[in-house]
Amino acid sequence: MTEAARLNGGGPAAARTIGVAAEIVATVARASRDSWPDAPGIAAQAVKIAERCPDLAAADEKVWHAALVALGVAVDGGGETRDGELRLKLEDSVELPIVIAETGADVAELAATAARLGEGTFRSDAVSAALLAQAGVRVARHLVAVNLGTREDDDRSRRAARAEWRAEQAVKQALEAD
């Protein structure tokens, strides 16, 4: 697998997109500190999330690559022992997209707050951040479903669905505020 192919996978792209959304929230909050008393706290939260997102992207790429290698071994006739290893690798590969989805929902909620309370000139940027975060959440939720073929009643699917619902609600709030 080429470096470009690995770096352009859905999970890492979702994490990086959420990181960009968090950076936008931080920018809006910083620009609003004169009119919004809680802006510095929101900016600090957004910066902390933005700083975590590259690590989430790299970790997701690494775990998914390991799952692909295990899948290749299983397909080439690895036997039952390899099937167990594959199952563990695939299970590992689903946890990071859940974390990415939950992180994106957090960013979408911060963006909705910034759209409601931020400086008027920058509110549309906060809405943009909410939309970007929601997109990252949707990608991550999709990967949760695909990586394991999880059922709707699976706890991992519920966590990802809850994150997607939170992001959707945040986008609605952001759009109403703009």
Protein backbone atom coordinates (compact mmCIF):
# COMPACT_ATOMS: atom_id res chain seq x y z
CA MET A 1 0.00 0.00 0.00
CA THR A 2 1.44 3.36 -0.96
CA GLU A 3 1.88 6.17 1.53
CA ALA A 4 -0.67 8.28 -0.36
CA ALA A 5 -3.27 5.49 -0.27
CA ARG A 6 -2.85 5.04 3.46
CA LEU A 7 -3.06 8.71 4.27
CA ASN A 8 -6.17 9.20 2.18
CA GLY A 9 -8.31 6.55 3.88
CA GLY A 10 -11.73 7.50 5.21
CA GLY A 11 -10.87 7.31 8.91
CA PRO A 12 -7.79 9.52 8.78
CA ALA A 13 -9.59 11.96 6.47
CA ALA A 14 -12.51 12.14 8.92
CA ALA A 15 -10.14 12.82 11.82
CA ARG A 16 -8.27 15.52 9.89
CA THR A 17 -11.55 17.14 8.80
CA ILE A 18 -12.74 17.24 12.39
CA GLY A 19 -9.40 18.78 13.35
CA VAL A 20 -9.87 21.53 10.76
CA ALA A 21 -13.39 22.14 12.09
CA ALA A 22 -11.97 22.46 15.61
CA GLU A 23 -9.39 24.98 14.37
CA ILE A 24 -12.21 27.04 12.84
CA VAL A 25 -14.11 26.98 16.15
CA ALA A 26 -10.98 28.18 17.94
CA THR A 27 -10.60 31.01 15.42
CA VAL A 28 -14.23 32.09 15.86
CA ALA A 29 -13.92 31.97 19.64
CA ARG A 30 -10.69 33.98 19.64
CA ALA A 31 -12.27 36.61 17.38
CA SER A 32 -15.25 36.81 19.75
CA ARG A 33 -13.49 37.21 23.10
CA ASP A 34 -14.56 40.86 23.45
CA SER A 35 -18.27 40.04 23.15
CA TRP A 36 -18.38 36.48 24.54
CA PRO A 37 -17.02 35.89 28.05
CA ASP A 38 -16.67 32.10 27.61
CA ALA A 39 -14.87 32.39 24.28
CA PRO A 40 -11.37 31.70 25.68
CA GLY A 41 -12.56 28.46 27.24
CA ILE A 42 -14.23 27.33 24.03
CA ALA A 43 -11.10 28.23 22.08
CA ALA A 44 -8.94 26.21 24.49
CA GLN A 45 -11.21 23.17 24.17
CA ALA A 46 -11.21 23.43 20.39
CA VAL A 47 -7.42 23.76 20.24
CA LYS A 48 -6.97 20.71 22.44
CA ILE A 49 -9.22 18.66 20.16
CA ALA A 50 -7.52 20.00 17.02
CA GLU A 51 -4.15 18.93 18.43
CA ARG A 52 -5.47 15.38 19.10
CA CYS A 53 -6.90 14.84 15.63
CA PRO A 54 -3.62 14.15 13.76
CA ASP A 55 -2.83 11.44 16.32
CA LEU A 56 -6.30 9.94 15.82
CA ALA A 57 -5.74 9.97 12.05
CA ALA A 58 -2.36 8.25 12.35
CA ALA A 59 -3.63 5.68 14.84
CA ASP A 60 -6.65 4.87 12.68
CA GLU A 61 -4.47 4.41 9.63
CA LYS A 62 -2.13 2.10 11.56
CA VAL A 63 -4.89 -0.07 13.02
CA TRP A 64 -6.75 -0.33 9.73
CA HIS A 65 -3.54 -1.23 7.90
CA ALA A 66 -2.95 -4.03 10.44
CA ALA A 67 -6.49 -5.30 9.82
CA LEU A 68 -5.89 -5.27 6.06
CA VAL A 69 -2.69 -7.29 6.51
CA ALA A 70 -4.54 -9.81 8.72
CA LEU A 71 -7.33 -9.99 6.13
CA GLY A 72 -4.78 -10.74 3.42
CA VAL A 73 -3.25 -13.52 5.51
CA ALA A 74 -6.70 -15.01 6.21
CA VAL A 75 -7.65 -14.89 2.53
CA ASP A 76 -4.38 -16.60 1.60
CA GLY A 77 -5.32 -19.59 3.78
CA GLY A 78 -4.31 -18.69 7.32
CA GLY A 79 -6.71 -21.20 8.93
CA GLU A 80 -8.72 -20.91 12.15
CA THR A 81 -5.87 -19.43 14.17
CA ARG A 82 -5.59 -16.61 11.64
CA ASP A 83 -9.39 -16.15 11.65
CA GLY A 84 -9.22 -15.35 15.37
CA GLU A 85 -6.40 -12.91 14.76
CA LEU A 86 -8.37 -11.30 11.93
CA ARG A 87 -11.44 -10.93 14.13
CA LEU A 88 -9.35 -9.17 16.80
CA LYS A 89 -7.74 -6.87 14.25
CA LEU A 90 -11.12 -5.94 12.78
CA GLU A 91 -12.54 -5.31 16.24
CA ASP A 92 -9.56 -3.06 16.98
CA SER A 93 -10.17 -1.21 13.72
CA VAL A 94 -13.69 -0.20 14.75
CA GLU A 95 -12.86 1.50 18.06
CA LEU A 96 -10.95 4.41 16.55
CA PRO A 97 -13.73 5.41 14.15
CA ILE A 98 -16.04 5.49 17.17
CA VAL A 99 -13.64 7.79 19.01
CA ILE A 100 -13.34 9.92 15.86
CA ALA A 101 -17.15 10.13 15.63
CA GLU A 102 -17.48 11.11 19.29
CA THR A 103 -14.73 13.71 18.90
CA GLY A 104 -16.50 15.12 15.86
CA ALA A 105 -19.76 15.38 17.78
CA ASP A 106 -17.93 17.33 20.49
CA VAL A 107 -16.57 19.72 17.86
CA ALA A 108 -20.00 20.13 16.24
CA GLU A 109 -21.44 21.07 19.62
CA LEU A 110 -18.66 23.59 20.25
CA ALA A 111 -19.30 25.00 16.77
CA ALA A 112 -23.03 25.35 17.49
CA THR A 113 -22.20 27.27 20.65
CA ALA A 114 -19.83 29.50 18.67
CA ALA A 115 -22.52 30.07 16.03
CA ARG A 116 -24.95 31.14 18.74
CA LEU A 117 -22.65 33.24 20.91
CA GLY A 118 -19.73 34.21 18.69
CA GLU A 119 -19.10 37.53 17.01
CA GLY A 120 -21.69 38.01 14.27
CA THR A 121 -19.14 38.37 11.49
CA PHE A 122 -17.75 34.91 12.25
CA ARG A 123 -20.95 32.96 12.89
CA SER A 124 -21.08 31.57 9.37
CA ASP A 125 -17.59 30.17 9.94
CA ALA A 126 -18.86 28.44 13.06
CA VAL A 127 -21.71 26.94 11.02
CA SER A 128 -19.14 25.76 8.48
CA ALA A 129 -17.18 24.13 11.30
CA ALA A 130 -20.32 22.34 12.51
CA LEU A 131 -20.99 21.04 8.99
CA LEU A 132 -17.41 19.85 8.57
CA ALA A 133 -17.47 18.11 11.93
CA GLN A 134 -20.76 16.44 11.03
CA ALA A 135 -19.25 15.18 7.77
CA GLY A 136 -16.36 13.63 9.69
CA VAL A 137 -18.80 12.00 12.10
CA ARG A 138 -20.84 10.54 9.24
CA VAL A 139 -17.73 9.06 7.64
CA ALA A 140 -16.62 7.56 10.94
CA ARG A 141 -20.06 6.08 11.61
CA HIS A 142 -20.08 4.54 8.16
CA LEU A 143 -16.68 2.96 8.84
CA VAL A 144 -17.93 1.50 12.11
CA ALA A 145 -20.71 -0.25 10.21
CA VAL A 146 -18.44 -1.44 7.40
CA ASN A 147 -15.43 -2.56 9.46
CA LEU A 148 -17.37 -5.18 11.37
CA GLY A 149 -20.67 -5.34 9.62
CA THR A 150 -22.07 -4.35 13.00
CA ARG A 151 -25.75 -4.55 13.75
CA GLU A 152 -27.83 -1.60 14.90
CA ASP A 153 -28.21 -3.23 18.32
CA ASP A 154 -24.44 -3.55 18.76
CA ASP A 155 -23.07 -1.17 21.40
CA ARG A 156 -20.43 0.12 18.98
CA SER A 157 -23.10 0.96 16.43
CA ARG A 158 -25.15 2.70 19.12
CA ARG A 159 -22.18 4.81 20.20
CA ALA A 160 -21.48 5.86 16.61
CA ALA A 161 -25.19 6.55 15.98
CA ARG A 162 -25.37 8.63 19.16
CA ALA A 163 -22.37 10.68 17.98
CA GLU A 164 -24.01 11.19 14.59
CA TRP A 165 -27.27 12.29 16.24
CA ARG A 166 -25.38 14.77 18.46
CA ALA A 167 -23.62 16.22 15.41
CA GLU A 168 -26.90 16.51 13.49
CA GLN A 169 -28.54 18.34 16.39
CA ALA A 170 -25.53 20.68 16.67
CA VAL A 171 -25.72 21.51 12.96
CA LYS A 172 -29.43 22.31 13.28
CA GLN A 173 -28.67 24.63 16.20
CA ALA A 174 -25.80 26.27 14.34
CA LEU A 175 -27.91 26.86 11.25
CA GLU A 176 -30.72 28.35 13.35
CA ALA A 177 -28.25 30.71 15.04
CA ASP A 178 -26.80 31.95 11.76
